[in-house]
Amino acid sequence: MGTVKLSRMRQITIPANVCRQLSMKDVDYLLLDVHEGKIVLTRAPENFAKHFKGISKGLFGKTAEEIDAYVTEERKSW
């Protein structure tokens, strides 16, 4: 764990040893989130489309028939 200072412009500098440890480059983007009162930084994927590809696979069914049945039921609820 290291200590960083928040500047007047609300900027922080990530220590060089942390960047080396994580193989971070100066062109990397980070995602910032607040979780239970803590700041969480996560390296952003280089390509969001590739990163999230297939994330919902099987969510509405595993076969075309299951998916069609799900959609039919959802439409009935409208």
N, C-alpha and C. Protein backbone atom coordinates (compact mmCIF):
# COMPACT_ATOMS: atom_id res chain seq x y z
N MET A 1 0.86 -1.17 0.00
CA MET A 1 0.00 0.00 0.00
C MET A 1 0.90 1.23 0.00
N GLY A 2 0.51 2.21 -0.77
CA GLY A 2 1.26 3.46 -0.81
C GLY A 2 0.35 4.62 -0.47
N THR A 3 0.94 5.78 -0.35
CA THR A 3 0.19 6.98 -0.06
C THR A 3 0.34 7.95 -1.22
N VAL A 4 -0.77 8.53 -1.64
CA VAL A 4 -0.74 9.55 -2.68
C VAL A 4 -1.44 10.79 -2.17
N LYS A 5 -1.10 11.93 -2.73
CA LYS A 5 -1.69 13.20 -2.30
C LYS A 5 -2.63 13.68 -3.39
N LEU A 6 -3.79 14.15 -2.99
CA LEU A 6 -4.74 14.74 -3.91
C LEU A 6 -4.35 16.20 -4.14
N SER A 7 -4.11 16.57 -5.40
CA SER A 7 -3.68 17.94 -5.69
C SER A 7 -4.88 18.89 -5.66
N ARG A 8 -4.62 20.19 -5.79
CA ARG A 8 -5.69 21.18 -5.84
C ARG A 8 -6.63 20.94 -7.01
N MET A 9 -6.10 20.33 -8.06
CA MET A 9 -6.90 20.03 -9.25
C MET A 9 -7.55 18.65 -9.15
N ARG A 10 -7.55 18.07 -7.94
CA ARG A 10 -8.13 16.76 -7.65
C ARG A 10 -7.47 15.65 -8.47
N GLN A 11 -6.16 15.73 -8.64
CA GLN A 11 -5.40 14.72 -9.38
C GLN A 11 -4.50 13.95 -8.41
N ILE A 12 -4.25 12.70 -8.76
CA ILE A 12 -3.30 11.90 -8.00
C ILE A 12 -2.27 11.35 -8.99
N THR A 13 -1.12 10.98 -8.47
CA THR A 13 -0.09 10.32 -9.27
C THR A 13 0.08 8.91 -8.73
N ILE A 14 -0.01 7.95 -9.63
CA ILE A 14 0.18 6.56 -9.22
C ILE A 14 1.68 6.30 -9.16
N PRO A 15 2.17 5.81 -8.03
CA PRO A 15 3.61 5.59 -7.89
C PRO A 15 4.17 4.67 -8.98
N ALA A 16 5.41 4.95 -9.38
CA ALA A 16 6.07 4.21 -10.46
C ALA A 16 6.15 2.72 -10.14
N ASN A 17 6.43 2.37 -8.89
CA ASN A 17 6.55 0.94 -8.56
C ASN A 17 5.22 0.20 -8.75
N VAL A 18 4.11 0.88 -8.52
CA VAL A 18 2.79 0.28 -8.73
C VAL A 18 2.55 0.10 -10.23
N CYS A 19 2.90 1.11 -11.01
CA CYS A 19 2.74 1.02 -12.47
C CYS A 19 3.59 -0.12 -13.03
N ARG A 20 4.81 -0.26 -12.54
CA ARG A 20 5.67 -1.35 -13.01
C ARG A 20 5.09 -2.71 -12.62
N GLN A 21 4.62 -2.80 -11.39
CA GLN A 21 4.05 -4.05 -10.88
C GLN A 21 2.86 -4.50 -11.74
N LEU A 22 2.07 -3.55 -12.22
CA LEU A 22 0.86 -3.86 -13.00
C LEU A 22 1.09 -3.73 -14.50
N SER A 23 2.33 -3.47 -14.91
CA SER A 23 2.67 -3.29 -16.33
C SER A 23 1.79 -2.24 -16.98
N MET A 24 1.57 -1.13 -16.28
CA MET A 24 0.74 -0.05 -16.80
C MET A 24 1.56 0.84 -17.72
N LYS A 25 0.89 1.33 -18.76
CA LYS A 25 1.52 2.25 -19.70
C LYS A 25 0.86 3.61 -19.57
N ASP A 26 1.52 4.64 -20.05
CA ASP A 26 0.95 5.99 -19.93
C ASP A 26 -0.24 6.20 -20.85
N VAL A 27 -0.57 5.23 -21.68
CA VAL A 27 -1.75 5.35 -22.55
C VAL A 27 -2.93 4.53 -22.02
N ASP A 28 -2.75 3.86 -20.88
CA ASP A 28 -3.83 3.07 -20.30
C ASP A 28 -4.91 3.98 -19.72
N TYR A 29 -6.15 3.51 -19.81
CA TYR A 29 -7.27 4.19 -19.17
C TYR A 29 -7.67 3.38 -17.95
N LEU A 30 -8.15 4.08 -16.92
CA LEU A 30 -8.61 3.43 -15.71
C LEU A 30 -10.07 3.75 -15.48
N LEU A 31 -10.80 2.78 -14.98
CA LEU A 31 -12.19 2.99 -14.59
C LEU A 31 -12.20 3.26 -13.09
N LEU A 32 -12.97 4.25 -12.67
CA LEU A 32 -13.03 4.62 -11.26
C LEU A 32 -14.41 4.29 -10.74
N ASP A 33 -14.46 3.67 -9.58
CA ASP A 33 -15.73 3.33 -8.95
C ASP A 33 -15.59 3.57 -7.45
N VAL A 34 -16.70 3.82 -6.81
CA VAL A 34 -16.71 3.95 -5.35
C VAL A 34 -17.50 2.77 -4.82
N HIS A 35 -16.86 1.99 -3.95
CA HIS A 35 -17.48 0.79 -3.40
C HIS A 35 -17.29 0.79 -1.89
N GLU A 36 -18.40 0.86 -1.18
CA GLU A 36 -18.39 0.88 0.29
C GLU A 36 -17.45 1.94 0.83
N GLY A 37 -17.51 3.14 0.23
CA GLY A 37 -16.72 4.26 0.71
C GLY A 37 -15.26 4.24 0.29
N LYS A 38 -14.89 3.32 -0.60
CA LYS A 38 -13.50 3.21 -1.06
C LYS A 38 -13.44 3.49 -2.55
N ILE A 39 -12.36 4.12 -2.99
CA ILE A 39 -12.13 4.36 -4.41
C ILE A 39 -11.47 3.12 -4.99
N VAL A 40 -12.05 2.60 -6.07
CA VAL A 40 -11.51 1.42 -6.74
C VAL A 40 -11.14 1.79 -8.16
N LEU A 41 -9.88 1.61 -8.53
CA LEU A 41 -9.41 1.86 -9.89
C LEU A 41 -9.18 0.51 -10.56
N THR A 42 -9.70 0.37 -11.78
CA THR A 42 -9.53 -0.85 -12.55
C THR A 42 -9.09 -0.47 -13.95
N ARG A 43 -8.14 -1.20 -14.50
CA ARG A 43 -7.71 -0.91 -15.86
C ARG A 43 -8.87 -1.17 -16.82
N ALA A 44 -9.13 -0.21 -17.68
CA ALA A 44 -10.20 -0.35 -18.67
C ALA A 44 -9.75 -1.31 -19.76
N PRO A 45 -10.67 -2.11 -20.27
CA PRO A 45 -10.30 -2.99 -21.37
C PRO A 45 -9.92 -2.18 -22.61
N GLU A 46 -9.00 -2.71 -23.41
CA GLU A 46 -8.60 -2.00 -24.62
C GLU A 46 -9.75 -1.91 -25.61
N ASN A 47 -10.61 -2.93 -25.63
CA ASN A 47 -11.73 -2.94 -26.55
C ASN A 47 -12.96 -3.42 -25.78
N PHE A 48 -13.89 -2.51 -25.52
CA PHE A 48 -15.07 -2.86 -24.72
C PHE A 48 -15.94 -3.90 -25.44
N ALA A 49 -16.05 -3.80 -26.76
CA ALA A 49 -16.87 -4.76 -27.51
C ALA A 49 -16.33 -6.18 -27.33
N LYS A 50 -15.03 -6.36 -27.46
CA LYS A 50 -14.43 -7.68 -27.28
C LYS A 50 -14.54 -8.13 -25.82
N HIS A 51 -14.37 -7.19 -24.90
CA HIS A 51 -14.41 -7.52 -23.48
C HIS A 51 -15.79 -8.05 -23.06
N PHE A 52 -16.86 -7.44 -23.57
CA PHE A 52 -18.20 -7.83 -23.17
C PHE A 52 -18.87 -8.81 -24.12
N LYS A 53 -18.16 -9.21 -25.18
CA LYS A 53 -18.72 -10.16 -26.14
C LYS A 53 -19.13 -11.44 -25.41
N GLY A 54 -20.36 -11.85 -25.62
CA GLY A 54 -20.85 -13.10 -25.05
C GLY A 54 -21.26 -13.03 -23.60
N ILE A 55 -21.27 -11.84 -23.01
CA ILE A 55 -21.56 -11.72 -21.57
C ILE A 55 -22.99 -12.18 -21.24
N SER A 56 -23.91 -12.04 -22.19
CA SER A 56 -25.29 -12.44 -21.90
C SER A 56 -25.66 -13.77 -22.55
N LYS A 57 -24.65 -14.49 -23.01
CA LYS A 57 -24.91 -15.78 -23.65
C LYS A 57 -25.66 -16.70 -22.70
N GLY A 58 -26.77 -17.23 -23.17
CA GLY A 58 -27.58 -18.14 -22.36
C GLY A 58 -28.51 -17.46 -21.39
N LEU A 59 -28.51 -16.15 -21.34
CA LEU A 59 -29.34 -15.42 -20.38
C LEU A 59 -30.83 -15.64 -20.62
N PHE A 60 -31.23 -15.70 -21.89
CA PHE A 60 -32.64 -15.83 -22.23
C PHE A 60 -32.98 -17.23 -22.72
N GLY A 61 -32.03 -18.12 -22.68
CA GLY A 61 -32.25 -19.50 -23.11
C GLY A 61 -31.02 -20.00 -23.83
N LYS A 62 -30.92 -21.31 -23.93
CA LYS A 62 -29.74 -21.90 -24.57
C LYS A 62 -30.00 -22.25 -26.04
N THR A 63 -31.25 -22.41 -26.40
CA THR A 63 -31.58 -22.75 -27.79
C THR A 63 -32.47 -21.66 -28.38
N ALA A 64 -32.60 -21.68 -29.70
CA ALA A 64 -33.46 -20.70 -30.38
C ALA A 64 -34.90 -20.84 -29.89
N GLU A 65 -35.33 -22.06 -29.65
CA GLU A 65 -36.71 -22.29 -29.19
C GLU A 65 -36.92 -21.70 -27.79
N GLU A 66 -35.95 -21.87 -26.90
CA GLU A 66 -36.06 -21.31 -25.55
C GLU A 66 -36.08 -19.79 -25.60
N ILE A 67 -35.26 -19.22 -26.45
CA ILE A 67 -35.22 -17.75 -26.58
C ILE A 67 -36.54 -17.24 -27.13
N ASP A 68 -37.07 -17.91 -28.17
CA ASP A 68 -38.36 -17.52 -28.74
C ASP A 68 -39.47 -17.61 -27.69
N ALA A 69 -39.46 -18.66 -26.90
CA ALA A 69 -40.47 -18.82 -25.85
C ALA A 69 -40.36 -17.69 -24.82
N TYR A 70 -39.14 -17.34 -24.46
CA TYR A 70 -38.93 -16.25 -23.50
C TYR A 70 -39.47 -14.93 -24.06
N VAL A 71 -39.12 -14.64 -25.31
CA VAL A 71 -39.58 -13.39 -25.94
C VAL A 71 -41.10 -13.38 -26.03
N THR A 72 -41.70 -14.49 -26.39
CA THR A 72 -43.17 -14.58 -26.48
C THR A 72 -43.81 -14.28 -25.14
N GLU A 73 -43.28 -14.87 -24.06
CA GLU A 73 -43.82 -14.62 -22.72
C GLU A 73 -43.66 -13.16 -22.31
N GLU A 74 -42.51 -12.58 -22.63
CA GLU A 74 -42.29 -11.17 -22.30
C GLU A 74 -43.28 -10.28 -23.05
N ARG A 75 -43.51 -10.57 -24.30
CA ARG A 75 -44.44 -9.76 -25.10
C ARG A 75 -45.85 -9.85 -24.55
N LYS A 76 -46.22 -11.01 -24.05
CA LYS A 76 -47.56 -11.17 -23.46
C LYS A 76 -47.73 -10.26 -22.24
N SER A 77 -46.65 -10.02 -21.52
CA SER A 77 -46.74 -9.19 -20.31
C SER A 77 -46.87 -7.70 -20.61
N TRP A 78 -46.65 -7.33 -21.88
CA TRP A 78 -46.78 -5.92 -22.25
C TRP A 78 -48.23 -5.58 -22.31
